Structure formats: structure tokens, C-alpha cells
Amino acid sequence: MSSEYHVLSILAEEKNMRRAAERLYVSQPALSQRLQSIEKTWGVSIFLRSQKGLTITPAGERIISFANDTLRREEKVYEALTALSSEVHGTLKLAVASIIGQYWLPAVLKKFVEHYPSVKISLVTGWSSDILRYLYEDDIHVGIIRGKPDWRGRSQYLLSDELYLVDTTIQSIEELRVTEKPFIQFKSDSTYFQEIQTWWQTQSFAPPKKTIVVDQIETCKQMALNGIGYAILPSISITEDDKEFFRIPLSDREGAPLKRDTWLLTNDTAMQLKQVQKFMELLND
């Protein structure tokens, strides 16, 4: 029966038969038939079908809430059982800041998976505010955020990376006074945005007249590499192969390098799980 709950949970998340079928590794007709069977068992329509996708019915909302609660309880029991075993397995549930997931985490996970192949990885990337919410709602074991954490559980400092102004022609901060190039900015959490705004206010010249806002940091970086404008990037996103642009370190009013801290957050309950313990040990090696 729990597999039916899993089907309903995925359908509720995607609200689209095709995407749900892809996640469940079944054909769309097979999933449609499975849903009809589940609805017949419950005796009600759980979803309304249309060309736009699936809409959850009032009865469906109750059933899906029950299904998700059951899946969470089942996972808690499974985690408790795996904690009794000497083998390291189970699921390691991570939520990390997007930039960390893109540039730092892959090498760490590669090493972890090599050491503990029986552990499944559940990974979500997003803004730090979302990651804190996942932690408070007990949806993840470990969160990795950017900036100073507002968290009463366990926290561990991971790294700091400096901020650089990068451009293909600009070689000094003073050149920003006269440049006609736009400032390319990537969407990020509010604390990062505030740090950049504060830095602009410390300068003796006006903020940029033209700004281009993009969704992803890699898009921002590639646009700067192609000379479309200048950008402010954390050093974690700049590799040794990025030689096409100049890098100008940013500093605060006192002349200290402008840096961005990264913190790991977890709690005592998660630390009882062997997969979480081993992940922490790997980071501390």
C-alpha cells in the first residue's frame, strides 16, 4: 500500500502525468491506469484531469495528506532500524545553497558515495531561507547555507570565499566611474543582495546605471566572460580555467576582503543516524 502512497505523493508534487511517470519510471498509460485503480479503491476522485494537468480535489487533499504522513512515519521507522545496524545505509537528506550544490558539493558527494555505496542521496538545492524552513519542518538531515545562520541546533562553519568583480576589460574599481557596461546580477538570497548593496554604498561613485538580472550564477558568469557586462562573483564559482576576465577583489570600509561564509546546519536527532555521522566525519577529515 505504501507504494500507492508514493505514487499519490509524486502526482501531487508534479501535477502532471508525464513528469510524474518519468519520476516513477513507468509509462504514462500505466500510471494513468494505476491512478484509476487507486481512486477506485478509495471510492472518490483524487485528481481532476485537464489539458493543463492535474488538479487535486478536496477529497484528494485529505488522502494525499494522509499518504504523505504515512510515508514520513515509514521513513522514520526505517531510519530507526538502520541506526541499529552496523552497515551504513539509508537515505542522507541534504538541502544546500544552489551555488554550493553547483561548485563545491559534487566532489564531496563523489567521495562519500565511493565510501558508502549503500546510502541513497536525497538532494535539494535552493535559497538559504528555504533550507532553514526545511530544517525547521524536519524534512532534511543536513542543510548547508550561505551567510550567518539563524539556527539553534548544531552548526559548523565550512568555508569562506572572497567576492570579486570580474570583467573582460575593467581592471580596477575606479574604472566603474566611467564604464557604460551594465552590471550583471544573479538572483540570490536577501543577505547576499544586501551585502552587495552595502558595498555599493561604501563606494565614492553612484551604483550602476544599467543592470541585467539573471536567474543563475553560471549564466551571470558566462555573460561576463563574453564581455556583455561586469559581475560580482564569489571565488567558489571561479576556476583556474577562467582566464578570460580580470578579477578585482572587493573590500569593506576597513579594507578587509569582502567574504561570504558557508555553514552546515543539523540537529541532534539527525546526528543519531549513521549516514549523517559518516557525512560529518568525511567533511572533518
C-alpha atoms as a PDB file:
ATOM      1  CA  MET A   1       0.000   0.000   0.000  1.00  0.00           C
ATOM      2  CA  SER A   2       2.901   2.360   0.703  1.00  0.00           C
ATOM      3  CA  SER A   3       3.849   2.231  -2.989  1.00  0.00           C
ATOM      4  CA  GLU A   4       0.401   3.652  -3.777  1.00  0.00           C
ATOM      5  CA  TYR A   5       1.085   6.441  -1.291  1.00  0.00           C
ATOM      6  CA  HIS A   6       4.344   7.147  -3.097  1.00  0.00           C
ATOM      7  CA  VAL A   7       2.514   7.352  -6.421  1.00  0.00           C
ATOM      8  CA  LEU A   8      -0.001   9.824  -4.986  1.00  0.00           C
ATOM      9  CA  SER A   9       2.760  11.917  -3.404  1.00  0.00           C
ATOM     10  CA  ILE A  10       4.660  12.222  -6.696  1.00  0.00           C
ATOM     11  CA  LEU A  11       1.492  13.034  -8.630  1.00  0.00           C
ATOM     12  CA  ALA A  12       0.618  15.741  -6.101  1.00  0.00           C
ATOM     13  CA  GLU A  13       4.097  17.258  -6.414  1.00  0.00           C
ATOM     14  CA  GLU A  14       4.231  17.270 -10.197  1.00  0.00           C
ATOM     15  CA  LYS A  15       0.542  17.811 -11.039  1.00  0.00           C
ATOM     16  CA  ASN A  16       1.464  16.433 -14.439  1.00  0.00           C
ATOM     17  CA  MET A  17       1.113  12.818 -15.614  1.00  0.00           C
ATOM     18  CA  ARG A  18       4.111  12.869 -17.947  1.00  0.00           C
ATOM     19  CA  ARG A  19       6.561  14.286 -15.397  1.00  0.00           C
ATOM     20  CA  ALA A  20       5.240  12.003 -12.659  1.00  0.00           C
ATOM     21  CA  ALA A  21       5.597   8.965 -14.947  1.00  0.00           C
ATOM     22  CA  GLU A  22       9.217   9.928 -15.652  1.00  0.00           C
ATOM     23  CA  ARG A  23      10.000  10.181 -11.940  1.00  0.00           C
ATOM     24  CA  LEU A  24       8.319   6.840 -11.246  1.00  0.00           C
ATOM     25  CA  TYR A  25       9.999   5.129 -14.234  1.00  0.00           C
ATOM     26  CA  VAL A  26       6.720   3.921 -15.704  1.00  0.00           C
ATOM     27  CA  SER A  27       4.839   4.712 -18.894  1.00  0.00           C
ATOM     28  CA  GLN A  28       2.158   7.375 -18.824  1.00  0.00           C
ATOM     29  CA  PRO A  29      -0.662   4.922 -19.722  1.00  0.00           C
ATOM     30  CA  ALA A  30       0.485   2.564 -16.952  1.00  0.00           C
ATOM     31  CA  LEU A  31       0.479   5.420 -14.430  1.00  0.00           C
ATOM     32  CA  SER A  32      -2.962   6.570 -15.568  1.00  0.00           C
ATOM     33  CA  GLN A  33      -4.289   3.044 -15.101  1.00  0.00           C
ATOM     34  CA  ARG A  34      -2.639   2.826 -11.679  1.00  0.00           C
ATOM     35  CA  LEU A  35      -4.260   6.079 -10.589  1.00  0.00           C
ATOM     36  CA  GLN A  36      -7.677   4.869 -11.727  1.00  0.00           C
ATOM     37  CA  SER A  37      -7.180   1.732  -9.632  1.00  0.00           C
ATOM     38  CA  ILE A  38      -6.187   3.780  -6.572  1.00  0.00           C
ATOM     39  CA  GLU A  39      -9.204   6.078  -6.969  1.00  0.00           C
ATOM     40  CA  LYS A  40     -11.469   3.052  -7.313  1.00  0.00           C
ATOM     41  CA  THR A  41     -10.075   1.682  -4.054  1.00  0.00           C
ATOM     42  CA  TRP A  42     -10.787   4.947  -2.246  1.00  0.00           C
ATOM     43  CA  GLY A  43     -14.122   5.410  -3.975  1.00  0.00           C
ATOM     44  CA  VAL A  44     -13.519   9.066  -4.858  1.00  0.00           C
ATOM     45  CA  SER A  45     -11.732  11.154  -7.489  1.00  0.00           C
ATOM     46  CA  ILE A  46      -8.374  12.262  -6.133  1.00  0.00           C
ATOM     47  CA  PHE A  47      -7.385  14.366  -9.155  1.00  0.00           C
ATOM     48  CA  LEU A  48      -9.274  16.220 -11.873  1.00  0.00           C
ATOM     49  CA  ARG A  49      -7.635  15.762 -15.301  1.00  0.00           C
ATOM     50  CA  SER A  50      -7.363  18.524 -17.883  1.00  0.00           C
ATOM     51  CA  GLN A  51      -5.034  19.583 -20.700  1.00  0.00           C
ATOM     52  CA  LYS A  52      -3.239  21.832 -18.226  1.00  0.00           C
ATOM     53  CA  GLY A  53      -2.502  18.950 -15.880  1.00  0.00           C
ATOM     54  CA  LEU A  54      -3.861  17.568 -12.618  1.00  0.00           C
ATOM     55  CA  THR A  55      -5.895  19.425 -10.011  1.00  0.00           C
ATOM     56  CA  ILE A  56      -6.272  17.914  -6.536  1.00  0.00           C
ATOM     57  CA  THR A  57      -9.873  17.513  -5.392  1.00  0.00           C
ATOM     58  CA  PRO A  58     -10.960  18.336  -1.801  1.00  0.00           C
ATOM     59  CA  ALA A  59     -11.158  14.593  -1.061  1.00  0.00           C
ATOM     60  CA  GLY A  60      -7.794  14.160  -2.757  1.00  0.00           C
ATOM     61  CA  GLU A  61      -6.207  16.744  -0.453  1.00  0.00           C
ATOM     62  CA  ARG A  62      -7.135  14.648   2.583  1.00  0.00           C
ATOM     63  CA  ILE A  63      -5.949  11.412   1.000  1.00  0.00           C
ATOM     64  CA  ILE A  64      -2.639  12.906  -0.127  1.00  0.00           C
ATOM     65  CA  SER A  65      -2.062  14.450   3.307  1.00  0.00           C
ATOM     66  CA  PHE A  66      -2.638  11.000   4.818  1.00  0.00           C
ATOM     67  CA  ALA A  67      -0.322   9.433   2.242  1.00  0.00           C
ATOM     68  CA  ASN A  68       2.489  11.917   2.957  1.00  0.00           C
ATOM     69  CA  ASP A  69       2.121  11.453   6.721  1.00  0.00           C
ATOM     70  CA  THR A  70       2.295   7.679   6.276  1.00  0.00           C
ATOM     71  CA  LEU A  71       5.405   7.942   4.102  1.00  0.00           C
ATOM     72  CA  ARG A  72       7.102  10.180   6.674  1.00  0.00           C
ATOM     73  CA  ARG A  73       6.283   7.780   9.521  1.00  0.00           C
ATOM     74  CA  GLU A  74       7.506   4.847   7.457  1.00  0.00           C
ATOM     75  CA  GLU A  75      10.780   6.646   6.763  1.00  0.00           C
ATOM     76  CA  LYS A  76      11.265   7.446  10.467  1.00  0.00           C
ATOM     77  CA  VAL A  77      10.841   3.777  11.361  1.00  0.00           C
ATOM     78  CA  TYR A  78      13.266   2.765   8.626  1.00  0.00           C
ATOM     79  CA  GLU A  79      15.812   5.292   9.873  1.00  0.00           C
ATOM     80  CA  ALA A  80      15.493   3.961  13.416  1.00  0.00           C
ATOM     81  CA  LEU A  81      16.070   0.416  12.172  1.00  0.00           C
ATOM     82  CA  THR A  82      19.106   1.373  10.101  1.00  0.00           C
ATOM     83  CA  ALA A  83      20.602   3.112  13.132  1.00  0.00           C
ATOM     84  CA  LEU A  84      20.619  -0.302  14.873  1.00  0.00           C
ATOM     85  CA  SER A  85      22.584  -1.874  12.029  1.00  0.00           C
ATOM     86  CA  SER A  86      26.375  -1.815  11.744  1.00  0.00           C
ATOM     87  CA  GLU A  87      26.191  -1.183   7.985  1.00  0.00           C
ATOM     88  CA  VAL A  88      25.912   2.399   6.767  1.00  0.00           C
ATOM     89  CA  HIS A  89      22.860   2.699   4.553  1.00  0.00           C
ATOM     90  CA  GLY A  90      19.532   4.541   4.496  1.00  0.00           C
ATOM     91  CA  THR A  91      18.959   7.961   2.926  1.00  0.00           C
ATOM     92  CA  LEU A  92      21.062  11.056   3.501  1.00  0.00           C
ATOM     93  CA  LYS A  93      18.735  14.019   3.020  1.00  0.00           C
ATOM     94  CA  LEU A  94      20.565  17.210   2.107  1.00  0.00           C
ATOM     95  CA  ALA A  95      19.452  20.721   1.204  1.00  0.00           C
ATOM     96  CA  VAL A  96      22.177  23.103   0.099  1.00  0.00           C
ATOM     97  CA  ALA A  97      22.518  26.603  -1.265  1.00  0.00           C
ATOM     98  CA  SER A  98      22.453  26.466  -5.064  1.00  0.00           C
ATOM     99  CA  ILE A  99      25.989  27.783  -5.503  1.00  0.00           C
ATOM    100  CA  ILE A 100      27.334  25.165  -3.074  1.00  0.00           C
ATOM    101  CA  GLY A 101      25.431  22.434  -4.877  1.00  0.00           C
ATOM    102  CA  GLN A 102      26.893  23.537  -8.179  1.00  0.00           C
ATOM    103  CA  TYR A 103      30.544  24.183  -7.343  1.00  0.00           C
ATOM    104  CA  TRP A 104      31.505  22.552  -4.017  1.00  0.00           C
ATOM    105  CA  LEU A 105      29.241  19.621  -3.202  1.00  0.00           C
ATOM    106  CA  PRO A 106      29.791  17.312  -6.230  1.00  0.00           C
ATOM    107  CA  ALA A 107      33.377  16.479  -5.230  1.00  0.00           C
ATOM    108  CA  VAL A 108      32.281  15.858  -1.633  1.00  0.00           C
ATOM    109  CA  LEU A 109      29.410  13.584  -2.653  1.00  0.00           C
ATOM    110  CA  LYS A 110      31.651  11.682  -5.054  1.00  0.00           C
ATOM    111  CA  LYS A 111      33.942  10.771  -2.174  1.00  0.00           C
ATOM    112  CA  PHE A 112      31.010   9.963   0.132  1.00  0.00           C
ATOM    113  CA  VAL A 113      29.322   7.655  -2.395  1.00  0.00           C
ATOM    114  CA  GLU A 114      32.611   5.860  -3.015  1.00  0.00           C
ATOM    115  CA  HIS A 115      32.950   5.170   0.724  1.00  0.00           C
ATOM    116  CA  TYR A 116      29.279   4.367   1.415  1.00  0.00           C
ATOM    117  CA  PRO A 117      27.665   2.999  -1.770  1.00  0.00           C
ATOM    118  CA  SER A 118      24.617   1.659   0.119  1.00  0.00           C
ATOM    119  CA  VAL A 119      23.499   5.153   1.160  1.00  0.00           C
ATOM    120  CA  LYS A 120      20.902   6.870  -1.006  1.00  0.00           C
ATOM    121  CA  ILE A 121      21.250  10.622  -1.546  1.00  0.00           C
ATOM    122  CA  SER A 122      18.272  12.975  -1.494  1.00  0.00           C
ATOM    123  CA  LEU A 123      19.424  16.439  -2.549  1.00  0.00           C
ATOM    124  CA  VAL A 124      17.528  19.708  -2.817  1.00  0.00           C
ATOM    125  CA  THR A 125      19.147  22.997  -3.826  1.00  0.00           C
ATOM    126  CA  GLY A 126      17.703  26.427  -3.231  1.00  0.00           C
ATOM    127  CA  TRP A 127      17.987  29.655  -1.293  1.00  0.00           C
ATOM    128  CA  SER A 128      19.195  29.678   2.304  1.00  0.00           C
ATOM    129  CA  SER A 129      15.796  30.833   3.591  1.00  0.00           C
ATOM    130  CA  ASP A 130      14.173  27.740   2.055  1.00  0.00           C
ATOM    131  CA  ILE A 131      16.823  25.461   3.559  1.00  0.00           C
ATOM    132  CA  LEU A 132      16.166  26.829   7.040  1.00  0.00           C
ATOM    133  CA  ARG A 133      12.466  26.126   6.546  1.00  0.00           C
ATOM    134  CA  TYR A 134      13.237  22.517   5.537  1.00  0.00           C
ATOM    135  CA  LEU A 135      15.267  22.140   8.730  1.00  0.00           C
ATOM    136  CA  TYR A 136      12.549  23.552  10.960  1.00  0.00           C
ATOM    137  CA  GLU A 137       9.975  21.271   9.289  1.00  0.00           C
ATOM    138  CA  ASP A 138      12.297  18.265   9.772  1.00  0.00           C
ATOM    139  CA  ASP A 139      12.320  17.479   6.043  1.00  0.00           C
ATOM    140  CA  ILE A 140      16.117  17.122   5.792  1.00  0.00           C
ATOM    141  CA  HIS A 141      19.045  15.868   7.864  1.00  0.00           C
ATOM    142  CA  VAL A 142      21.674  18.436   6.870  1.00  0.00           C
ATOM    143  CA  GLY A 143      21.390  21.947   5.481  1.00  0.00           C
ATOM    144  CA  ILE A 144      24.236  23.993   4.019  1.00  0.00           C
ATOM    145  CA  ILE A 145      23.548  27.712   3.777  1.00  0.00           C
ATOM    146  CA  ARG A 146      25.318  30.921   2.824  1.00  0.00           C
ATOM    147  CA  GLY A 147      25.689  33.675   5.396  1.00  0.00           C
ATOM    148  CA  LYS A 148      25.371  33.738   9.169  1.00  0.00           C
ATOM    149  CA  PRO A 149      22.879  31.080  10.338  1.00  0.00           C
ATOM    150  CA  ASP A 150      19.820  31.836  12.453  1.00  0.00           C
ATOM    151  CA  TRP A 151      19.637  28.315  13.839  1.00  0.00           C
ATOM    152  CA  ARG A 152      19.524  26.974  17.408  1.00  0.00           C
ATOM    153  CA  GLY A 153      20.542  23.437  16.511  1.00  0.00           C
ATOM    154  CA  ARG A 154      24.016  22.217  15.628  1.00  0.00           C
ATOM    155  CA  SER A 155      26.034  24.391  13.284  1.00  0.00           C
ATOM    156  CA  GLN A 156      29.500  24.076  11.797  1.00  0.00           C
ATOM    157  CA  TYR A 157      31.500  26.600   9.812  1.00  0.00           C
ATOM    158  CA  LEU A 158      32.565  25.133   6.460  1.00  0.00           C
ATOM    159  CA  LEU A 159      34.323  27.742   4.346  1.00  0.00           C
ATOM    160  CA  SER A 160      34.649  31.368   3.276  1.00  0.00           C
ATOM    161  CA  ASP A 161      35.120  32.630  -0.240  1.00  0.00           C
ATOM    162  CA  GLU A 162      36.015  36.142  -1.322  1.00  0.00           C
ATOM    163  CA  LEU A 163      33.932  38.269  -3.665  1.00  0.00           C
ATOM    164  CA  TYR A 164      35.426  39.502  -6.920  1.00  0.00           C
ATOM    165  CA  LEU A 165      34.340  41.991  -9.541  1.00  0.00           C
ATOM    166  CA  VAL A 166      35.017  40.272 -12.866  1.00  0.00           C
ATOM    167  CA  ASP A 167      35.098  41.713 -16.380  1.00  0.00           C
ATOM    168  CA  THR A 168      36.931  41.226 -19.680  1.00  0.00           C
ATOM    169  CA  THR A 169      38.248  44.821 -19.819  1.00  0.00           C
ATOM    170  CA  ILE A 170      37.770  46.560 -16.444  1.00  0.00           C
ATOM    171  CA  GLN A 171      40.933  46.172 -14.362  1.00  0.00           C
ATOM    172  CA  SER A 172      40.237  48.425 -11.364  1.00  0.00           C
ATOM    173  CA  ILE A 173      37.300  49.561  -9.237  1.00  0.00           C
ATOM    174  CA  GLU A 174      37.946  53.163 -10.296  1.00  0.00           C
ATOM    175  CA  GLU A 175      37.027  52.292 -13.873  1.00  0.00           C
ATOM    176  CA  LEU A 176      33.425  51.740 -12.726  1.00  0.00           C
ATOM    177  CA  ARG A 177      33.082  55.525 -12.566  1.00  0.00           C
ATOM    178  CA  VAL A 178      33.197  55.854 -16.338  1.00  0.00           C
ATOM    179  CA  THR A 179      32.137  52.478 -17.732  1.00  0.00           C
ATOM    180  CA  GLU A 180      28.968  52.226 -19.776  1.00  0.00           C
ATOM    181  CA  LYS A 181      28.801  48.468 -19.298  1.00  0.00           C
ATOM    182  CA  PRO A 182      25.815  47.014 -17.416  1.00  0.00           C
ATOM    183  CA  PHE A 183      26.162  45.272 -14.072  1.00  0.00           C
ATOM    184  CA  ILE A 184      25.093  41.614 -14.427  1.00  0.00           C
ATOM    185  CA  GLN A 185      23.487  40.325 -11.248  1.00  0.00           C
ATOM    186  CA  PHE A 186      22.263  36.823 -10.438  1.00  0.00           C
ATOM    187  CA  LYS A 187      19.260  36.191  -8.210  1.00  0.00           C
ATOM    188  CA  SER A 188      20.258  35.113  -4.728  1.00  0.00           C
ATOM    189  CA  ASP A 189      19.056  35.201  -1.142  1.00  0.00           C
ATOM    190  CA  SER A 190      18.343  38.540   0.511  1.00  0.00           C
ATOM    191  CA  THR A 191      21.505  38.566   2.653  1.00  0.00           C
ATOM    192  CA  TYR A 192      23.791  38.302  -0.380  1.00  0.00           C
ATOM    193  CA  PHE A 193      21.815  41.020  -2.174  1.00  0.00           C
ATOM    194  CA  GLN A 194      22.126  43.237   0.908  1.00  0.00           C
ATOM    195  CA  GLU A 195      25.893  42.668   1.095  1.00  0.00           C
ATOM    196  CA  ILE A 196      26.301  43.827  -2.498  1.00  0.00           C
ATOM    197  CA  GLN A 197      24.063  46.850  -1.931  1.00  0.00           C
ATOM    198  CA  THR A 198      26.061  47.770   1.187  1.00  0.00           C
ATOM    199  CA  TRP A 199      29.308  47.523  -0.777  1.00  0.00           C
ATOM    200  CA  TRP A 200      27.978  49.858  -3.487  1.00  0.00           C
ATOM    201  CA  GLN A 201      27.036  52.376  -0.792  1.00  0.00           C
ATOM    202  CA  THR A 202      30.604  52.403   0.534  1.00  0.00           C
ATOM    203  CA  GLN A 203      31.948  53.490  -2.852  1.00  0.00           C
ATOM    204  CA  SER A 204      32.518  57.127  -3.761  1.00  0.00           C
ATOM    205  CA  PHE A 205      30.561  56.791  -7.001  1.00  0.00           C
ATOM    206  CA  ALA A 206      26.970  56.017  -7.903  1.00  0.00           C
ATOM    207  CA  PRO A 207      25.626  52.473  -8.332  1.00  0.00           C
ATOM    208  CA  PRO A 208      25.414  51.134 -11.905  1.00  0.00           C
ATOM    209  CA  LYS A 209      23.001  52.863 -14.246  1.00  0.00           C
ATOM    210  CA  LYS A 210      22.160  49.650 -16.105  1.00  0.00           C
ATOM    211  CA  THR A 211      21.598  46.246 -14.535  1.00  0.00           C
ATOM    212  CA  ILE A 212      20.853  42.859 -16.071  1.00  0.00           C
ATOM    213  CA  VAL A 213      19.304  40.326 -13.685  1.00  0.00           C
ATOM    214  CA  VAL A 214      19.593  36.613 -14.461  1.00  0.00           C
ATOM    215  CA  ASP A 215      18.311  33.513 -12.636  1.00  0.00           C
ATOM    216  CA  GLN A 216      21.518  31.501 -12.310  1.00  0.00           C
ATOM    217  CA  ILE A 217      25.056  32.355 -11.236  1.00  0.00           C
ATOM    218  CA  GLU A 218      26.549  30.339 -14.112  1.00  0.00           C
ATOM    219  CA  THR A 219      24.522  32.392 -16.607  1.00  0.00           C
ATOM    220  CA  CYS A 220      25.831  35.532 -14.945  1.00  0.00           C
ATOM    221  CA  LYS A 221      29.397  34.232 -15.167  1.00  0.00           C
ATOM    222  CA  GLN A 222      29.127  33.255 -18.837  1.00  0.00           C
ATOM    223  CA  MET A 223      27.683  36.654 -19.770  1.00  0.00           C
ATOM    224  CA  ALA A 224      30.620  38.345 -18.047  1.00  0.00           C
ATOM    225  CA  LEU A 225      33.059  36.002 -19.783  1.00  0.00           C
ATOM    226  CA  ASN A 226      31.563  37.028 -23.115  1.00  0.00           C
ATOM    227  CA  GLY A 227      32.051  40.721 -22.396  1.00  0.00           C
ATOM    228  CA  ILE A 228      28.355  41.632 -22.074  1.00  0.00           C
ATOM    229  CA  GLY A 229      28.936  43.337 -18.741  1.00  0.00           C
ATOM    230  CA  TYR A 230      30.700  43.039 -15.405  1.00  0.00           C
ATOM    231  CA  ALA A 231      29.622  40.898 -12.456  1.00  0.00           C
ATOM    232  CA  ILE A 232      30.372  40.282  -8.792  1.00  0.00           C
ATOM    233  CA  LEU A 233      31.108  36.596  -8.209  1.00  0.00           C
ATOM    234  CA  PRO A 234      32.213  34.547  -5.205  1.00  0.00           C
ATOM    235  CA  SER A 235      35.586  32.886  -5.637  1.00  0.00           C
ATOM    236  CA  ILE A 236      33.997  29.428  -5.280  1.00  0.00           C
ATOM    237  CA  SER A 237      32.468  29.930  -8.739  1.00  0.00           C
ATOM    238  CA  ILE A 238      35.745  30.909 -10.418  1.00  0.00           C
ATOM    239  CA  THR A 239      38.044  28.127 -11.586  1.00  0.00           C
ATOM    240  CA  GLU A 240      41.644  28.052 -12.773  1.00  0.00           C
ATOM    241  CA  ASP A 241      40.371  27.724 -16.336  1.00  0.00           C
ATOM    242  CA  ASP A 242      38.533  31.057 -16.144  1.00  0.00           C
ATOM    243  CA  LYS A 243      41.322  33.190 -17.594  1.00  0.00           C
ATOM    244  CA  GLU A 244      39.253  35.303 -19.968  1.00  0.00           C
ATOM    245  CA  PHE A 245      38.467  38.042 -17.469  1.00  0.00           C
ATOM    246  CA  PHE A 246      40.122  40.243 -14.852  1.00  0.00           C
ATOM    247  CA  ARG A 247      39.379  39.599 -11.170  1.00  0.00           C
ATOM    248  CA  ILE A 248      39.261  42.525  -8.760  1.00  0.00           C
ATOM    249  CA  PRO A 249      38.879  41.607  -5.066  1.00  0.00           C
ATOM    250  CA  LEU A 250      36.248  43.589  -3.170  1.00  0.00           C
ATOM    251  CA  SER A 251      36.902  45.029   0.282  1.00  0.00           C
ATOM    252  CA  ASP A 252      34.833  46.684   3.008  1.00  0.00           C
ATOM    253  CA  ARG A 253      35.290  50.155   4.559  1.00  0.00           C
ATOM    254  CA  GLU A 254      38.227  48.946   6.669  1.00  0.00           C
ATOM    255  CA  GLY A 255      39.953  47.411   3.669  1.00  0.00           C
ATOM    256  CA  ALA A 256      39.274  43.813   4.721  1.00  0.00           C
ATOM    257  CA  PRO A 257      38.364  41.362   1.938  1.00  0.00           C
ATOM    258  CA  LEU A 258      34.631  41.008   1.379  1.00  0.00           C
ATOM    259  CA  LYS A 259      33.801  37.365   2.075  1.00  0.00           C
ATOM    260  CA  ARG A 260      30.820  35.023   2.081  1.00  0.00           C
ATOM    261  CA  ASP A 261      30.657  32.341   4.783  1.00  0.00           C
ATOM    262  CA  THR A 262      29.148  28.896   4.333  1.00  0.00           C
ATOM    263  CA  TRP A 263      27.691  26.973   7.276  1.00  0.00           C
ATOM    264  CA  LEU A 264      26.445  23.425   7.817  1.00  0.00           C
ATOM    265  CA  LEU A 265      23.340  23.002   9.984  1.00  0.00           C
ATOM    266  CA  THR A 266      21.839  19.872  11.514  1.00  0.00           C
ATOM    267  CA  ASN A 267      20.271  18.692  14.777  1.00  0.00           C
ATOM    268  CA  ASP A 268      20.781  16.077  17.497  1.00  0.00           C
ATOM    269  CA  THR A 269      18.149  13.731  16.091  1.00  0.00           C
ATOM    270  CA  ALA A 270      19.760  13.616  12.641  1.00  0.00           C
ATOM    271  CA  MET A 271      23.181  13.082  14.222  1.00  0.00           C
ATOM    272  CA  GLN A 272      21.972   9.743  15.601  1.00  0.00           C
ATOM    273  CA  LEU A 273      21.839   8.384  12.047  1.00  0.00           C
ATOM    274  CA  LYS A 274      24.971   6.634  10.825  1.00  0.00           C
ATOM    275  CA  GLN A 275      24.781   8.122   7.326  1.00  0.00           C
ATOM    276  CA  VAL A 276      24.759  11.636   8.833  1.00  0.00           C
ATOM    277  CA  GLN A 277      27.605  10.799  11.201  1.00  0.00           C
ATOM    278  CA  LYS A 278      29.734   9.482   8.319  1.00  0.00           C
ATOM    279  CA  PHE A 279      28.980  12.532   6.181  1.00  0.00           C
ATOM    280  CA  MET A 280      30.128  14.803   9.010  1.00  0.00           C
ATOM    281  CA  GLU A 281      33.249  12.708   9.550  1.00  0.00           C
ATOM    282  CA  LEU A 282      34.126  12.962   5.865  1.00  0.00           C
ATOM    283  CA  LEU A 283      33.817  16.767   5.966  1.00  0.00           C
ATOM    284  CA  ASN A 284      36.030  16.961   9.055  1.00  0.00           C
ATOM    285  CA  ASP A 285      38.812  14.766   7.649  1.00  0.00           C
END
